[in-house]
N, C-alpha and C. Protein backbone atom coordinates (compact mmCIF):
# COMPACT_ATOMS: atom_id res chain seq x y z
N MET A 1 97.00 118.73 132.45
CA MET A 1 95.96 117.70 132.84
C MET A 1 94.59 117.87 132.57
N ALA A 2 94.41 119.33 132.41
CA ALA A 2 93.05 119.80 132.68
C ALA A 2 92.22 119.47 131.21
N ASP A 3 93.02 119.69 130.03
CA ASP A 3 92.57 119.62 128.70
C ASP A 3 91.97 118.36 128.37
N ASP A 4 92.75 117.07 128.89
CA ASP A 4 92.57 115.84 128.63
C ASP A 4 91.18 115.13 128.42
N PRO A 5 90.46 114.89 127.47
CA PRO A 5 89.11 114.59 127.45
C PRO A 5 88.51 112.90 128.24
N ARG A 6 89.76 112.64 128.46
CA ARG A 6 89.81 111.07 128.54
C ARG A 6 89.49 111.03 130.00
N ARG A 7 89.87 112.17 131.02
CA ARG A 7 90.14 112.36 131.91
C ARG A 7 88.58 112.86 132.49
N THR A 8 87.97 111.92 133.25
CA THR A 8 86.67 112.28 133.94
C THR A 8 86.74 112.16 135.18
N THR A 9 87.33 111.55 135.73
CA THR A 9 87.32 111.49 137.27
C THR A 9 88.34 112.18 137.90
N GLY A 10 88.41 112.26 139.33
CA GLY A 10 89.35 112.51 139.92
C GLY A 10 89.69 114.16 139.87
N ASP A 11 91.00 114.77 140.78
CA ASP A 11 91.24 116.11 140.58
C ASP A 11 92.21 116.18 139.28
N PRO A 12 91.68 117.32 138.71
CA PRO A 12 92.56 117.95 137.32
C PRO A 12 94.04 118.04 137.78
N ASP A 13 94.31 118.91 138.83
CA ASP A 13 95.42 119.60 139.24
C ASP A 13 96.42 118.27 139.86
N THR A 14 96.13 117.49 140.27
CA THR A 14 96.49 116.54 141.22
C THR A 14 96.64 115.46 140.59
N GLY A 15 96.04 115.05 139.73
CA GLY A 15 95.81 113.96 139.13
C GLY A 15 95.34 112.73 140.12
N ALA A 16 94.75 113.03 141.34
CA ALA A 16 94.70 112.18 142.34
C ALA A 16 92.93 111.36 142.00
N ALA A 17 92.66 110.29 141.84
CA ALA A 17 91.26 109.88 141.82
C ALA A 17 90.51 110.16 142.84
N ASP A 18 89.63 110.20 142.46
CA ASP A 18 88.23 110.26 143.78
C ASP A 18 87.62 108.76 144.16
N ALA A 19 86.64 109.40 145.03
CA ALA A 19 86.69 107.84 145.50
C ALA A 19 85.58 106.91 144.78
N ASN A 20 84.74 107.86 143.95
CA ASN A 20 83.75 106.98 143.06
C ASN A 20 84.62 106.31 141.55
N SER A 21 85.75 106.73 141.41
CA SER A 21 86.37 105.98 140.49
C SER A 21 87.14 104.68 140.33
N SER A 22 87.29 103.84 139.68
CA SER A 22 87.92 102.36 139.95
C SER A 22 89.07 102.46 138.48
N PRO A 23 89.95 101.21 138.92
CA PRO A 23 90.86 100.75 137.59
C PRO A 23 90.01 100.33 136.69
N ALA A 24 88.75 99.85 136.40
CA ALA A 24 88.14 99.16 135.73
C ALA A 24 87.36 100.56 134.49
N ASP A 25 87.48 101.75 135.26
CA ASP A 25 87.11 102.67 134.33
C ASP A 25 87.88 103.01 132.96
N ALA A 26 89.23 102.61 133.06
CA ALA A 26 89.97 102.99 132.22
C ALA A 26 89.92 102.11 130.92
N ASP A 27 89.84 102.45 129.62
CA ASP A 27 89.35 101.73 128.26
C ASP A 27 90.64 101.61 127.42
N THR A 28 91.77 101.84 127.98
CA THR A 28 93.17 101.63 127.51
C THR A 28 94.06 101.56 128.40
N THR A 29 95.59 100.81 128.35
CA THR A 29 96.49 100.58 129.08
C THR A 29 97.69 101.16 128.80
N PRO A 30 97.87 102.04 129.47
CA PRO A 30 99.33 102.57 129.28
C PRO A 30 100.46 102.09 128.97
N THR A 31 101.62 101.88 128.40
CA THR A 31 102.69 101.51 128.01
C THR A 31 103.76 101.92 128.47
N ARG A 32 104.73 101.54 128.62
CA ARG A 32 106.23 102.19 129.27
C ARG A 32 106.30 103.43 128.22
N ASP A 33 106.43 103.51 127.36
CA ASP A 33 106.66 104.63 126.40
C ASP A 33 105.53 106.20 126.74
N GLY A 34 104.53 106.04 127.42
CA GLY A 34 103.63 107.01 127.52
C GLY A 34 102.42 107.03 126.86
N SER A 35 102.56 105.83 125.57
CA SER A 35 101.53 105.92 124.57
C SER A 35 100.44 104.67 124.91
N GLU A 36 98.98 104.50 124.92
CA GLU A 36 98.09 103.55 125.10
C GLU A 36 98.12 102.71 124.15
N ARG A 37 97.76 101.62 124.34
CA ARG A 37 97.62 100.45 123.83
C ARG A 37 95.94 99.72 124.11
N GLY A 38 95.42 99.71 123.02
CA GLY A 38 94.33 98.72 123.20
C GLY A 38 94.04 97.55 122.81
N GLY A 39 92.97 96.61 122.50
CA GLY A 39 93.15 95.04 122.11
C GLY A 39 93.37 95.04 120.96
N PRO A 40 93.93 93.74 120.62
CA PRO A 40 93.97 93.60 119.31
C PRO A 40 93.18 93.92 118.18
N SER A 41 92.00 94.71 118.70
CA SER A 41 91.18 95.05 117.33
C SER A 41 91.01 96.22 117.36
N SER A 42 91.94 97.17 118.22
CA SER A 42 92.10 98.46 118.06
C SER A 42 92.89 99.12 116.96
N PRO A 43 92.16 100.09 116.21
CA PRO A 43 93.25 100.78 114.85
C PRO A 43 94.76 101.27 115.72
N ALA A 44 95.52 100.65 114.91
CA ALA A 44 96.96 101.60 114.86
C ALA A 44 96.92 102.86 114.94
N SER A 45 97.68 103.34 115.58
CA SER A 45 98.05 104.67 116.00
C SER A 45 98.22 105.50 114.60
N PRO A 46 98.09 106.43 113.98
CA PRO A 46 98.44 106.94 112.94
C PRO A 46 100.02 107.15 112.50
N ASP A 47 100.49 107.14 113.29
CA ASP A 47 102.33 107.37 113.29
C ASP A 47 102.92 106.06 112.98
N ARG A 48 102.35 104.74 113.27
CA ARG A 48 102.85 103.52 113.03
C ARG A 48 101.38 102.65 112.16
N ARG A 49 101.18 103.11 111.22
CA ARG A 49 100.30 102.26 110.32
C ARG A 49 100.72 101.01 110.07
N PRO A 50 100.24 100.08 109.90
CA PRO A 50 100.70 98.30 109.39
C PRO A 50 101.09 98.91 107.95
N ARG A 51 102.30 98.02 107.70
CA ARG A 51 102.40 97.87 106.42
C ARG A 51 103.06 96.50 105.95
N PRO A 52 101.51 96.36 105.53
CA PRO A 52 101.79 94.42 104.99
C PRO A 52 102.58 94.31 103.95
N LEU A 53 102.99 95.31 102.91
CA LEU A 53 103.68 94.80 101.89
C LEU A 53 105.22 94.40 102.57
N VAL A 54 105.58 95.58 103.47
CA VAL A 54 106.74 95.70 103.93
C VAL A 54 106.93 93.89 104.83
N HIS A 55 106.12 93.90 105.52
CA HIS A 55 106.21 93.02 106.44
C HIS A 55 105.99 91.50 105.85
N GLY A 56 105.24 91.60 104.96
CA GLY A 56 104.92 90.04 104.05
C GLY A 56 106.00 89.65 103.57
N LEU A 57 106.94 90.80 102.90
CA LEU A 57 107.98 90.47 101.69
C LEU A 57 109.01 90.15 103.09
N ILE A 58 109.40 90.37 104.35
CA ILE A 58 109.96 90.07 105.24
C ILE A 58 109.71 88.50 105.39
N GLY A 59 108.29 88.35 105.88
CA GLY A 59 108.03 87.11 106.14
C GLY A 59 107.91 85.91 104.77
N GLY A 60 108.06 86.54 103.91
CA GLY A 60 107.96 85.46 102.75
C GLY A 60 109.67 85.06 102.55
N VAL A 61 110.38 86.03 102.84
CA VAL A 61 111.87 85.77 102.45
C VAL A 61 112.27 84.58 104.00
N VAL A 62 111.61 84.85 105.04
CA VAL A 62 111.53 83.83 106.15
C VAL A 62 110.86 82.59 105.79
N ALA A 63 109.76 82.64 104.79
CA ALA A 63 109.31 81.07 104.82
C ALA A 63 110.44 80.30 104.03
N VAL A 64 110.96 81.14 102.69
CA VAL A 64 111.58 80.70 101.84
C VAL A 64 113.03 79.98 102.58
N VAL A 65 113.61 80.85 103.34
CA VAL A 65 114.86 80.46 103.96
C VAL A 65 114.31 79.11 104.97
N LEU A 66 113.22 79.00 105.48
CA LEU A 66 112.78 77.86 106.37
C LEU A 66 112.18 76.73 105.52
N ALA A 67 112.21 76.74 104.17
CA ALA A 67 111.31 76.17 103.10
C ALA A 67 111.54 74.62 103.50
N VAL A 68 112.75 74.27 104.15
CA VAL A 68 113.51 72.81 104.36
C VAL A 68 112.24 72.58 105.65
N LEU A 69 111.66 73.26 106.43
CA LEU A 69 110.83 72.76 107.37
C LEU A 69 109.22 72.88 107.04
N PRO A 70 108.66 71.54 107.67
CA PRO A 70 107.39 71.64 106.91
C PRO A 70 106.43 72.54 107.58
N PHE A 71 105.18 73.30 107.09
CA PHE A 71 104.44 74.35 107.38
C PHE A 71 105.61 75.68 107.41
N SER A 72 106.43 75.73 106.73
CA SER A 72 107.61 76.92 106.67
C SER A 72 106.32 78.37 106.36
N PRO A 73 105.64 78.27 105.42
CA PRO A 73 104.84 79.61 105.21
C PRO A 73 103.65 80.19 106.60
N ALA A 74 103.60 79.04 107.27
CA ALA A 74 102.89 79.74 108.32
C ALA A 74 104.00 80.46 109.32
N LEU A 75 105.38 79.78 109.50
CA LEU A 75 105.99 80.44 110.20
C LEU A 75 106.33 81.74 109.64
N GLY A 76 106.82 82.13 108.20
CA GLY A 76 106.83 83.61 107.82
C GLY A 76 105.75 83.88 107.69
N GLY A 77 104.28 83.37 107.66
CA GLY A 77 103.23 84.70 107.91
C GLY A 77 103.20 84.94 109.36
N GLY A 78 103.56 83.99 110.21
CA GLY A 78 103.77 84.27 111.79
C GLY A 78 104.64 85.72 111.78
N VAL A 79 105.78 85.48 111.19
CA VAL A 79 107.11 86.74 111.32
C VAL A 79 106.20 87.88 110.94
N ALA A 80 105.45 87.79 109.44
CA ALA A 80 104.59 89.10 108.89
C ALA A 80 103.84 89.52 109.69
N GLY A 81 102.80 88.88 110.49
CA GLY A 81 101.68 89.24 111.35
C GLY A 81 102.50 89.98 112.79
N TYR A 82 103.32 89.46 113.20
CA TYR A 82 104.04 89.87 114.47
C TYR A 82 104.87 91.31 114.22
N LEU A 83 105.45 91.57 113.13
CA LEU A 83 106.00 92.43 112.84
C LEU A 83 104.96 93.64 112.51
N GLY A 84 103.94 93.43 111.89
CA GLY A 84 102.89 93.94 111.52
C GLY A 84 101.87 94.62 112.69
N GLY A 85 101.76 93.48 113.70
CA GLY A 85 100.84 94.19 115.00
C GLY A 85 99.55 94.36 114.19
N GLY A 86 99.08 95.24 114.93
CA GLY A 86 97.79 95.97 114.63
C GLY A 86 96.46 94.87 114.87
N THR A 87 95.75 94.62 113.98
CA THR A 87 94.65 93.98 114.23
C THR A 87 94.83 92.56 113.88
N TYR A 88 93.71 91.48 113.78
CA TYR A 88 93.85 89.91 113.07
C TYR A 88 94.55 90.15 111.80
N ALA A 89 93.13 90.97 110.99
CA ALA A 89 93.05 91.48 109.47
C ALA A 89 94.30 91.69 109.56
N ASP A 90 94.77 92.86 109.65
CA ASP A 90 96.26 93.33 109.22
C ASP A 90 97.41 92.39 108.98
N GLY A 91 97.11 91.62 110.24
CA GLY A 91 98.13 90.24 110.51
C GLY A 91 97.79 89.17 109.38
N ALA A 92 96.70 89.01 108.87
CA ALA A 92 96.49 88.41 107.75
C ALA A 92 96.61 88.94 106.56
N LYS A 93 96.17 89.91 106.29
CA LYS A 93 96.85 90.39 105.07
C LYS A 93 98.44 90.49 105.17
N ALA A 94 99.25 90.59 106.05
CA ALA A 94 100.90 90.40 105.60
C ALA A 94 101.26 88.94 105.82
N GLY A 95 100.29 88.17 106.30
CA GLY A 95 100.51 86.93 106.11
C GLY A 95 100.39 86.17 104.74
N ALA A 96 98.94 86.76 104.00
CA ALA A 96 99.05 86.76 102.94
C ALA A 96 99.89 87.16 102.20
N VAL A 97 100.59 88.10 101.86
CA VAL A 97 101.65 88.71 101.40
C VAL A 97 102.65 87.82 101.43
N ALA A 98 103.33 87.52 102.71
CA ALA A 98 104.10 86.32 102.81
C ALA A 98 104.06 85.12 102.16
N GLY A 99 102.67 84.63 101.98
CA GLY A 99 102.48 83.45 101.39
C GLY A 99 102.56 83.43 99.79
N VAL A 100 102.38 84.59 99.44
CA VAL A 100 102.71 84.65 97.79
C VAL A 100 103.72 84.90 97.43
N VAL A 101 104.55 85.34 98.52
CA VAL A 101 105.91 85.80 98.29
C VAL A 101 106.79 84.51 98.35
N ALA A 102 106.28 83.73 99.19
CA ALA A 102 107.02 82.50 99.42
C ALA A 102 106.53 81.49 98.20
N PHE A 103 105.34 81.60 97.67
CA PHE A 103 105.00 80.67 96.29
C PHE A 103 105.70 81.30 95.36
N VAL A 104 106.34 82.06 95.02
CA VAL A 104 107.04 82.79 93.65
C VAL A 104 108.62 81.96 93.39
N PRO A 105 109.10 81.43 94.53
CA PRO A 105 110.02 80.46 94.02
C PRO A 105 109.75 79.00 93.33
N ILE A 106 108.58 78.36 93.69
CA ILE A 106 107.81 77.32 93.42
C ILE A 106 107.51 77.65 91.99
N VAL A 107 107.06 78.98 91.83
CA VAL A 107 106.44 78.89 90.04
C VAL A 107 107.74 78.98 89.51
N LEU A 108 109.08 79.50 89.83
CA LEU A 108 110.12 79.42 89.22
C LEU A 108 110.55 78.00 89.02
N VAL A 109 110.45 77.56 89.77
CA VAL A 109 111.07 76.05 89.63
C VAL A 109 110.15 75.33 88.63
N ALA A 110 108.86 75.40 88.97
CA ALA A 110 107.92 74.80 87.86
C ALA A 110 108.22 75.06 86.54
N ALA A 111 108.53 76.38 86.32
CA ALA A 111 108.76 77.09 84.62
C ALA A 111 109.93 76.59 83.99
N ALA A 112 110.93 76.35 84.93
CA ALA A 112 112.04 75.88 84.77
C ALA A 112 111.98 74.56 84.44
N ALA A 113 111.36 73.79 85.29
CA ALA A 113 110.93 72.54 85.05
C ALA A 113 110.77 72.41 83.59
N LEU A 114 109.43 73.16 83.02
CA LEU A 114 109.03 73.16 81.53
C LEU A 114 109.87 73.61 80.71
N VAL A 115 111.09 74.40 81.07
CA VAL A 115 111.75 75.31 79.53
C VAL A 115 112.72 74.18 79.75
N PHE A 116 113.28 73.59 80.72
CA PHE A 116 114.53 72.79 80.77
C PHE A 116 114.66 71.39 80.47
N VAL A 117 113.37 70.68 80.88
CA VAL A 117 113.21 69.39 80.77
C VAL A 117 112.74 69.24 79.30
N PRO A 118 113.32 68.25 78.92
CA PRO A 118 113.11 67.75 77.44
C PRO A 118 111.95 67.33 77.62
N VAL A 119 110.74 67.65 76.41
CA VAL A 119 109.54 66.72 76.39
C VAL A 119 109.82 65.55 75.57
N VAL A 120 109.47 64.90 76.18
CA VAL A 120 109.66 63.23 75.41
C VAL A 120 108.56 62.91 74.70
N ALA A 121 108.90 62.09 73.55
CA ALA A 121 107.89 62.04 72.59
C ALA A 121 106.90 60.81 73.38
N VAL A 122 105.68 61.75 73.23
CA VAL A 122 104.47 60.72 73.60
C VAL A 122 103.75 60.01 72.48
N PRO A 123 103.47 58.68 72.35
CA PRO A 123 102.52 58.59 71.64
C PRO A 123 101.13 58.84 71.46
N ASP A 124 100.63 59.42 72.55
CA ASP A 124 99.25 59.53 72.68
C ASP A 124 99.12 61.41 73.35
N PRO A 125 98.76 62.56 72.35
CA PRO A 125 98.69 63.86 72.81
C PRO A 125 97.67 63.63 74.36
N GLY A 126 96.68 63.00 74.08
CA GLY A 126 95.86 63.01 75.79
C GLY A 126 96.39 63.25 76.88
N PHE A 127 97.51 62.05 76.28
CA PHE A 127 98.78 61.68 77.70
C PHE A 127 99.11 63.41 77.93
N SER A 128 100.16 63.95 77.47
CA SER A 128 100.68 65.54 77.94
C SER A 128 99.39 66.46 78.30
N ILE A 129 98.15 66.17 77.75
CA ILE A 129 97.25 67.07 78.05
C ILE A 129 96.94 66.56 79.78
N GLY A 130 96.62 65.42 79.94
CA GLY A 130 96.25 65.02 81.10
C GLY A 130 97.33 65.36 82.24
N LEU A 131 98.62 65.41 81.67
CA LEU A 131 99.92 65.42 82.34
C LEU A 131 99.98 67.12 83.09
N SER A 132 99.55 67.77 81.98
CA SER A 132 99.84 69.52 82.06
C SER A 132 98.72 69.46 82.94
N LEU A 133 97.15 69.36 83.20
CA LEU A 133 96.44 69.22 83.95
C LEU A 133 96.71 68.81 85.35
N ILE A 134 97.05 67.86 85.68
CA ILE A 134 97.74 67.60 86.83
C ILE A 134 98.57 67.90 87.23
N ALA A 135 99.66 68.78 86.67
CA ALA A 135 100.51 69.69 86.93
C ALA A 135 100.18 70.98 87.21
N LEU A 136 99.20 71.55 86.97
CA LEU A 136 98.26 72.85 87.24
C LEU A 136 97.35 72.58 88.33
N VAL A 137 96.53 71.24 88.50
CA VAL A 137 96.33 71.06 90.05
C VAL A 137 96.88 71.07 90.82
N PHE A 138 98.05 70.58 90.95
CA PHE A 138 99.35 70.08 91.94
C PHE A 138 99.85 71.84 92.11
N LEU A 139 99.73 72.79 90.85
CA LEU A 139 100.41 73.89 91.52
C LEU A 139 99.22 74.79 92.14
N LEU A 140 97.95 74.35 92.00
CA LEU A 140 96.73 75.26 92.35
C LEU A 140 96.95 74.90 94.20
N PHE A 141 97.40 73.85 94.63
CA PHE A 141 97.20 73.29 95.58
C PHE A 141 98.55 73.72 96.27
N LEU A 142 99.33 73.86 95.64
CA LEU A 142 100.83 74.55 96.87
C LEU A 142 100.78 75.98 96.49
N ALA A 143 99.69 76.68 95.69
CA ALA A 143 99.15 77.63 95.93
C ALA A 143 98.12 77.95 97.13
N LEU A 144 97.44 77.38 97.06
CA LEU A 144 96.39 77.50 98.35
C LEU A 144 97.39 76.84 99.74
N TYR A 145 97.84 75.87 99.83
CA TYR A 145 98.81 75.78 100.94
C TYR A 145 99.85 76.82 101.19
N THR A 146 100.51 77.13 100.49
CA THR A 146 101.70 78.77 100.92
C THR A 146 100.46 80.05 101.54
N VAL A 147 99.69 80.29 100.75
CA VAL A 147 99.09 81.33 100.45
C VAL A 147 97.83 81.36 102.24
N GLY A 148 97.48 80.28 102.07
CA GLY A 148 96.55 79.51 103.21
C GLY A 148 97.27 79.68 104.66
N LEU A 149 98.63 78.78 104.52
CA LEU A 149 99.34 78.83 105.96
C LEU A 149 99.87 80.16 105.79
N GLY A 150 100.25 80.79 105.05
CA GLY A 150 100.74 82.32 105.51
C GLY A 150 99.44 83.06 106.04
N VAL A 151 98.39 83.06 105.89
CA VAL A 151 97.19 83.99 106.16
C VAL A 151 97.26 83.56 107.73
N LEU A 152 96.86 82.29 108.06
CA LEU A 152 96.62 81.70 109.26
C LEU A 152 98.03 82.03 110.49
N GLY A 153 99.36 81.98 109.72
CA GLY A 153 100.21 82.24 110.50
C GLY A 153 100.22 84.03 110.74
N GLY A 154 99.74 84.86 110.16
CA GLY A 154 99.73 86.34 110.06
C GLY A 154 98.73 86.62 110.87
N ALA A 155 97.51 85.69 111.00
CA ALA A 155 96.67 86.17 112.36
C ALA A 155 97.36 85.72 113.41
N VAL A 156 97.92 84.16 113.57
CA VAL A 156 98.34 83.94 114.57
C VAL A 156 99.48 85.07 115.06
N GLY A 157 100.54 85.69 114.43
CA GLY A 157 101.34 86.32 114.99
C GLY A 157 100.96 87.59 115.17
N ALA A 158 99.72 88.34 114.80
CA ALA A 158 99.39 89.29 115.28
C ALA A 158 98.59 89.10 116.76
N TYR A 159 98.16 88.00 116.81
CA TYR A 159 97.74 87.72 118.42
C TYR A 159 98.45 87.43 119.12
N VAL A 160 99.64 86.73 118.71
CA VAL A 160 101.08 86.62 119.86
C VAL A 160 101.38 88.19 120.34
N LYS A 161 101.50 89.07 119.24
CA LYS A 161 102.16 90.30 119.59
C LYS A 161 101.14 91.25 120.44
N ALA A 162 99.75 91.13 120.29
CA ALA A 162 98.78 91.92 121.17
C ALA A 162 98.77 91.08 122.21
N GLU A 163 99.10 89.77 122.57
CA GLU A 163 98.46 88.93 123.75
C GLU A 163 100.22 88.98 124.63
N PHE A 164 101.21 89.08 124.09
CA PHE A 164 102.10 89.17 124.87
C PHE A 164 103.48 90.06 124.50
């Protein structure tokens, strides 16, 4: 105990606190397993680094499974952020990956629609170009919705992990 640089007050042999120390002097909180935990902005320990790709993949699968619910990308991002723990930024990164994973089936359905739906003879070529532009804007909106809600859910998931 005498070699521990964090212990600055008290008797190094017995661990008893001296009269000048207070519980507010501690900058970290010990957990049940003996490790110490800081707030949501503390860096992750080297042995447990956040892995946003793995957690994002899990969150993306959750978002796809729950696709029948509104705001399912936020739920998938929340799962990814919760699993990732760490900082809010780590949770947001995992949520962004979850949003991208959840957007892949949307792109696949759109591509299948373009391939398998027969093109109807349109008298005006400008109409088909306009329809294509509307479809692209709609896909862009869906991408922003899916990834944006994944990022938001990831940050909320990291917050929930840090607070509860």
